[in-house]
C-alpha atoms as a PDB file:
ATOM      1  CA  UNK A   1     -76.766 -57.991  -4.198  1.00  0.00           C
ATOM      2  CA  UNK A   2     -77.858 -60.295  -6.946  1.00  0.00           C
ATOM      3  CA  UNK A   3     -79.328 -63.700  -6.204  1.00  0.00           C
ATOM      4  CA  UNK A   4     -76.891 -65.446  -8.543  1.00  0.00           C
ATOM      5  CA  UNK A   5     -75.067 -68.447  -7.099  1.00  0.00           C
ATOM      6  CA  UNK A   6     -71.347 -67.759  -7.267  1.00  0.00           C
ATOM      7  CA  UNK A   7     -68.648 -70.352  -7.718  1.00  0.00           C
ATOM      8  CA  UNK A   8     -65.748 -70.582  -5.309  1.00  0.00           C
ATOM      9  CA  UNK A   9     -63.503 -68.932  -7.916  1.00  0.00           C
ATOM     10  CA  UNK A  10     -65.951 -66.064  -8.421  1.00  0.00           C
ATOM     11  CA  UNK A  11     -66.180 -65.456  -4.677  1.00  0.00           C
ATOM     12  CA  UNK A  12     -62.382 -65.546  -4.445  1.00  0.00           C
ATOM     13  CA  UNK A  13     -62.196 -63.017  -7.293  1.00  0.00           C
ATOM     14  CA  UNK A  14     -64.511 -60.595  -5.462  1.00  0.00           C
ATOM     15  CA  UNK A  15     -62.598 -61.031  -2.181  1.00  0.00           C
ATOM     16  CA  UNK A  16     -59.270 -60.495  -3.923  1.00  0.00           C
ATOM     17  CA  UNK A  17     -60.622 -57.481  -5.776  1.00  0.00           C
ATOM     18  CA  UNK A  18     -60.924 -55.702  -2.436  1.00  0.00           C
ATOM     19  CA  UNK A  19     -57.541 -56.966  -1.178  1.00  0.00           C
ATOM     20  CA  UNK A  20     -55.644 -55.718  -4.259  1.00  0.00           C
ATOM     21  CA  UNK A  21     -57.306 -52.320  -4.268  1.00  0.00           C
ATOM     22  CA  UNK A  22     -59.630 -52.909  -7.229  1.00  0.00           C
ATOM     23  CA  UNK A  23     -57.210 -54.339  -9.825  1.00  0.00           C
ATOM     24  CA  UNK A  24     -59.318 -56.941 -11.696  1.00  0.00           C
ATOM     25  CA  UNK A  25     -56.355 -58.495 -13.515  1.00  0.00           C
ATOM     26  CA  UNK A  26     -54.491 -59.177 -10.285  1.00  0.00           C
ATOM     27  CA  UNK A  27     -57.659 -60.342  -8.503  1.00  0.00           C
ATOM     28  CA  UNK A  28     -58.401 -62.839 -11.282  1.00  0.00           C
ATOM     29  CA  UNK A  29     -54.880 -64.274 -11.168  1.00  0.00           C
ATOM     30  CA  UNK A  30     -55.041 -64.646  -7.351  1.00  0.00           C
ATOM     31  CA  UNK A  31     -58.439 -66.365  -7.658  1.00  0.00           C
ATOM     32  CA  UNK A  32     -56.943 -68.952 -10.032  1.00  0.00           C
ATOM     33  CA  UNK A  33     -58.248 -67.730 -13.385  1.00  0.00           C
ATOM     34  CA  UNK A  34     -56.034 -68.137 -16.418  1.00  0.00           C
ATOM     35  CA  UNK A  35     -53.986 -65.172 -17.559  1.00  0.00           C
ATOM     36  CA  UNK A  36     -55.951 -62.777 -19.771  1.00  0.00           C
ATOM     37  CA  UNK A  37     -59.385 -64.110 -18.777  1.00  0.00           C
ATOM     38  CA  UNK A  38     -60.111 -61.343 -16.286  1.00  0.00           C
ATOM     39  CA  UNK A  39     -62.237 -59.352 -18.763  1.00  0.00           C
ATOM     40  CA  UNK A  40     -64.727 -62.205 -19.130  1.00  0.00           C
ATOM     41  CA  UNK A  41     -64.783 -62.631 -15.335  1.00  0.00           C
ATOM     42  CA  UNK A  42     -65.521 -58.906 -14.920  1.00  0.00           C
ATOM     43  CA  UNK A  43     -68.269 -59.113 -17.541  1.00  0.00           C
ATOM     44  CA  UNK A  44     -69.942 -62.087 -15.836  1.00  0.00           C
ATOM     45  CA  UNK A  45     -69.745 -60.463 -12.382  1.00  0.00           C
ATOM     46  CA  UNK A  46     -70.668 -56.910 -13.384  1.00  0.00           C
ATOM     47  CA  UNK A  47     -73.614 -56.606 -10.983  1.00  0.00           C
ATOM     48  CA  UNK A  48     -71.666 -58.039  -8.055  1.00  0.00           C
ATOM     49  CA  UNK A  49     -68.700 -55.735  -8.760  1.00  0.00           C
ATOM     50  CA  UNK A  50     -70.998 -52.689  -8.835  1.00  0.00           C
ATOM     51  CA  UNK A  51     -72.588 -53.802  -5.551  1.00  0.00           C
ATOM     52  CA  UNK A  52     -69.119 -54.187  -4.059  1.00  0.00           C
ATOM     53  CA  UNK A  53     -68.111 -50.695  -5.231  1.00  0.00           C
ATOM     54  CA  UNK A  54     -71.304 -49.227  -3.761  1.00  0.00           C
ATOM     55  CA  UNK A  55     -70.546 -50.872  -0.413  1.00  0.00           C
ATOM     56  CA  UNK A  56     -66.978 -49.545  -0.439  1.00  0.00           C
ATOM     57  CA  UNK A  57     -68.245 -46.007  -1.081  1.00  0.00           C
ATOM     58  CA  UNK A  58     -70.853 -46.371   1.671  1.00  0.00           C
ATOM     59  CA  UNK A  59     -68.143 -47.505   4.105  1.00  0.00           C
ATOM     60  CA  UNK A  60     -66.023 -44.487   3.126  1.00  0.00           C
ATOM     61  CA  UNK A  61     -68.850 -41.972   3.612  1.00  0.00           C
ATOM     62  CA  UNK A  62     -68.235 -41.321   7.342  1.00  0.00           C
ATOM     63  CA  UNK A  63     -64.514 -40.759   6.687  1.00  0.00           C
ATOM     64  CA  UNK A  64     -65.398 -38.337   3.872  1.00  0.00           C
ATOM     65  CA  UNK A  65     -67.789 -36.436   6.123  1.00  0.00           C
ATOM     66  CA  UNK A  66     -65.187 -36.150   8.881  1.00  0.00           C
ATOM     67  CA  UNK A  67     -62.543 -35.024   6.367  1.00  0.00           C
ATOM     68  CA  UNK A  68     -64.808 -32.186   5.200  1.00  0.00           C
ATOM     69  CA  UNK A  69     -65.367 -31.084   8.788  1.00  0.00           C
ATOM     70  CA  UNK A  70     -61.631 -31.377   9.635  1.00  0.00           C
ATOM     71  CA  UNK A  71     -60.650 -29.205   6.663  1.00  0.00           C
ATOM     72  CA  UNK A  72     -63.375 -26.710   7.518  1.00  0.00           C
ATOM     73  CA  UNK A  73     -62.310 -26.488  11.180  1.00  0.00           C
ATOM     74  CA  UNK A  74     -58.553 -26.434  10.540  1.00  0.00           C
ATOM     75  CA  UNK A  75     -56.795 -23.212  11.456  1.00  0.00           C
ATOM     76  CA  UNK A  76     -53.645 -24.455   9.706  1.00  0.00           C
ATOM     77  CA  UNK A  77     -53.254 -24.659   5.920  1.00  0.00           C
ATOM     78  CA  UNK A  78     -54.204 -28.116   4.651  1.00  0.00           C
ATOM     79  CA  UNK A  79     -52.076 -29.472   1.792  1.00  0.00           C
ATOM     80  CA  UNK A  80     -54.172 -30.200  -1.302  1.00  0.00           C
ATOM     81  CA  UNK A  81     -57.313 -29.081   0.538  1.00  0.00           C
ATOM     82  CA  UNK A  82     -59.318 -28.485  -2.657  1.00  0.00           C
ATOM     83  CA  UNK A  83     -58.576 -31.959  -3.997  1.00  0.00           C
ATOM     84  CA  UNK A  84     -59.444 -33.557  -0.657  1.00  0.00           C
ATOM     85  CA  UNK A  85     -62.699 -31.605  -0.452  1.00  0.00           C
ATOM     86  CA  UNK A  86     -63.651 -32.618  -3.990  1.00  0.00           C
ATOM     87  CA  UNK A  87     -62.890 -36.285  -3.309  1.00  0.00           C
ATOM     88  CA  UNK A  88     -64.925 -36.234  -0.097  1.00  0.00           C
ATOM     89  CA  UNK A  89     -67.825 -34.479  -1.849  1.00  0.00           C
ATOM     90  CA  UNK A  90     -67.777 -37.043  -4.679  1.00  0.00           C
ATOM     91  CA  UNK A  91     -68.016 -39.928  -2.218  1.00  0.00           C
ATOM     92  CA  UNK A  92     -70.870 -38.286  -0.327  1.00  0.00           C
ATOM     93  CA  UNK A  93     -72.683 -37.437  -3.577  1.00  0.00           C
ATOM     94  CA  UNK A  94     -72.425 -41.023  -4.813  1.00  0.00           C
ATOM     95  CA  UNK A  95     -73.872 -42.494  -1.632  1.00  0.00           C
ATOM     96  CA  UNK A  96     -76.752 -40.032  -1.709  1.00  0.00           C
ATOM     97  CA  UNK A  97     -75.608 -37.481   0.862  1.00  0.00           C
ATOM     98  CA  UNK A  98     -74.653 -34.722  -1.558  1.00  0.00           C
ATOM     99  CA  UNK A  99     -76.540 -31.572  -2.239  1.00  0.00           C
ATOM    100  CA  UNK A 100     -79.907 -31.970  -3.869  1.00  0.00           C
ATOM    101  CA  UNK A 101     -81.253 -29.826  -6.646  1.00  0.00           C
ATOM    102  CA  UNK A 102     -84.688 -28.395  -6.085  1.00  0.00           C
ATOM    103  CA  UNK A 103     -86.978 -27.393  -8.864  1.00  0.00           C
ATOM    104  CA  UNK A 104     -89.663 -24.783  -8.281  1.00  0.00           C
ATOM    105  CA  UNK A 105     -92.476 -25.110 -10.789  1.00  0.00           C
ATOM    106  CA  UNK A 106     -94.892 -22.210 -10.915  1.00  0.00           C
ATOM    107  CA  UNK A 107     -97.610 -22.195 -13.545  1.00  0.00           C
ATOM    108  CA  UNK A 108     -99.554 -19.058 -14.400  1.00  0.00           C
ATOM    109  CA  UNK A 109    -102.703 -19.751 -16.373  1.00  0.00           C
ATOM    110  CA  UNK A 110    -105.408 -17.537 -17.728  1.00  0.00           C
ATOM    111  CA  UNK A 111    -109.012 -18.558 -18.067  1.00  0.00           C
ATOM    112  CA  UNK A 112    -109.235 -20.783 -15.025  1.00  0.00           C
ATOM    113  CA  UNK A 113    -110.721 -24.249 -14.827  1.00  0.00           C
ATOM    114  CA  UNK A 114    -112.657 -25.960 -17.620  1.00  0.00           C
ATOM    115  CA  UNK A 115    -115.333 -28.362 -16.371  1.00  0.00           C
ATOM    116  CA  UNK A 116    -116.833 -30.957 -18.705  1.00  0.00           C
ATOM    117  CA  UNK A 117    -120.465 -32.057 -18.417  1.00  0.00           C
ATOM    118  CA  UNK A 118    -121.233 -35.381 -16.777  1.00  0.00           C
ATOM    119  CA  UNK A 119    -121.053 -38.427 -19.015  1.00  0.00           C
ATOM    120  CA  UNK A 120    -124.305 -40.014 -20.100  1.00  0.00           C
ATOM    121  CA  UNK A 121    -124.829 -43.722 -20.610  1.00  0.00           C
ATOM    122  CA  UNK A 122    -125.339 -44.713 -24.232  1.00  0.00           C
ATOM    123  CA  UNK A 123    -127.435 -47.797 -24.938  1.00  0.00           C
ATOM    124  CA  UNK A 124    -127.245 -49.415 -28.357  1.00  0.00           C
ATOM    125  CA  UNK A 125    -130.060 -51.640 -29.533  1.00  0.00           C
ATOM    126  CA  UNK A 126    -129.343 -54.213 -32.225  1.00  0.00           C
ATOM    127  CA  UNK A 127    -130.263 -57.660 -33.367  1.00  0.00           C
ATOM    128  CA  UNK A 128    -127.754 -60.466 -33.004  1.00  0.00           C
ATOM    129  CA  UNK A 129    -127.240 -62.823 -35.911  1.00  0.00           C
ATOM    130  CA  UNK A 130    -125.534 -66.208 -35.950  1.00  0.00           C
ATOM    131  CA  UNK A 131    -123.908 -67.891 -38.914  1.00  0.00           C
ATOM    132  CA  UNK A 132    -124.653 -71.531 -39.614  1.00  0.00           C
ATOM    133  CA  UNK A 133    -121.789 -73.258 -41.416  1.00  0.00           C
ATOM    134  CA  UNK A 134    -123.895 -76.222 -42.489  1.00  0.00           C
ATOM    135  CA  UNK A 135    -126.653 -74.180 -44.149  1.00  0.00           C
ATOM    136  CA  UNK A 136    -124.292 -71.408 -45.215  1.00  0.00           C
ATOM    137  CA  UNK A 137    -126.645 -68.692 -44.016  1.00  0.00           C
ATOM    138  CA  UNK A 138    -127.221 -66.195 -41.247  1.00  0.00           C
ATOM    139  CA  UNK A 139    -130.140 -66.410 -38.846  1.00  0.00           C
ATOM    140  CA  UNK A 140    -131.450 -64.443 -35.869  1.00  0.00           C
ATOM    141  CA  UNK A 141    -130.902 -66.088 -32.539  1.00  0.00           C
ATOM    142  CA  UNK A 142    -134.135 -66.309 -30.650  1.00  0.00           C
ATOM    143  CA  UNK A 143    -134.117 -64.566 -27.328  1.00  0.00           C
ATOM    144  CA  UNK A 144    -135.416 -66.267 -24.221  1.00  0.00           C
ATOM    145  CA  UNK A 145    -137.993 -64.007 -22.697  1.00  0.00           C
END
């Protein structure tokens, strides 16, 4: 969930969104928003609406899992079994319980490993010069030895 402070109207909108089965226009009207303003409400609460949808899918995941098992175990024909299976699979996929794709990466190389020589320290010797604005000239800074 986001950390945004919600107004009473915004909270009512989110509550009503669940009660009306996801219809944002109806939820906005029940929350007290003016007619036709639901699109701006949806835009301002996008993150919270997505969080709400994620929670609804997560709550439906056990039902989806049981439905798959029921259809699999049924000895009787199940009306619209393919559609029910697809819906259940979609819910499980969206909450992270679907099948995962595995990628096998095998690399065949010729020539083996190339090892570089160790790095050597390079020391540069130079004189440091300072510029004097007042005299408009460069001079060597004397080192303290």
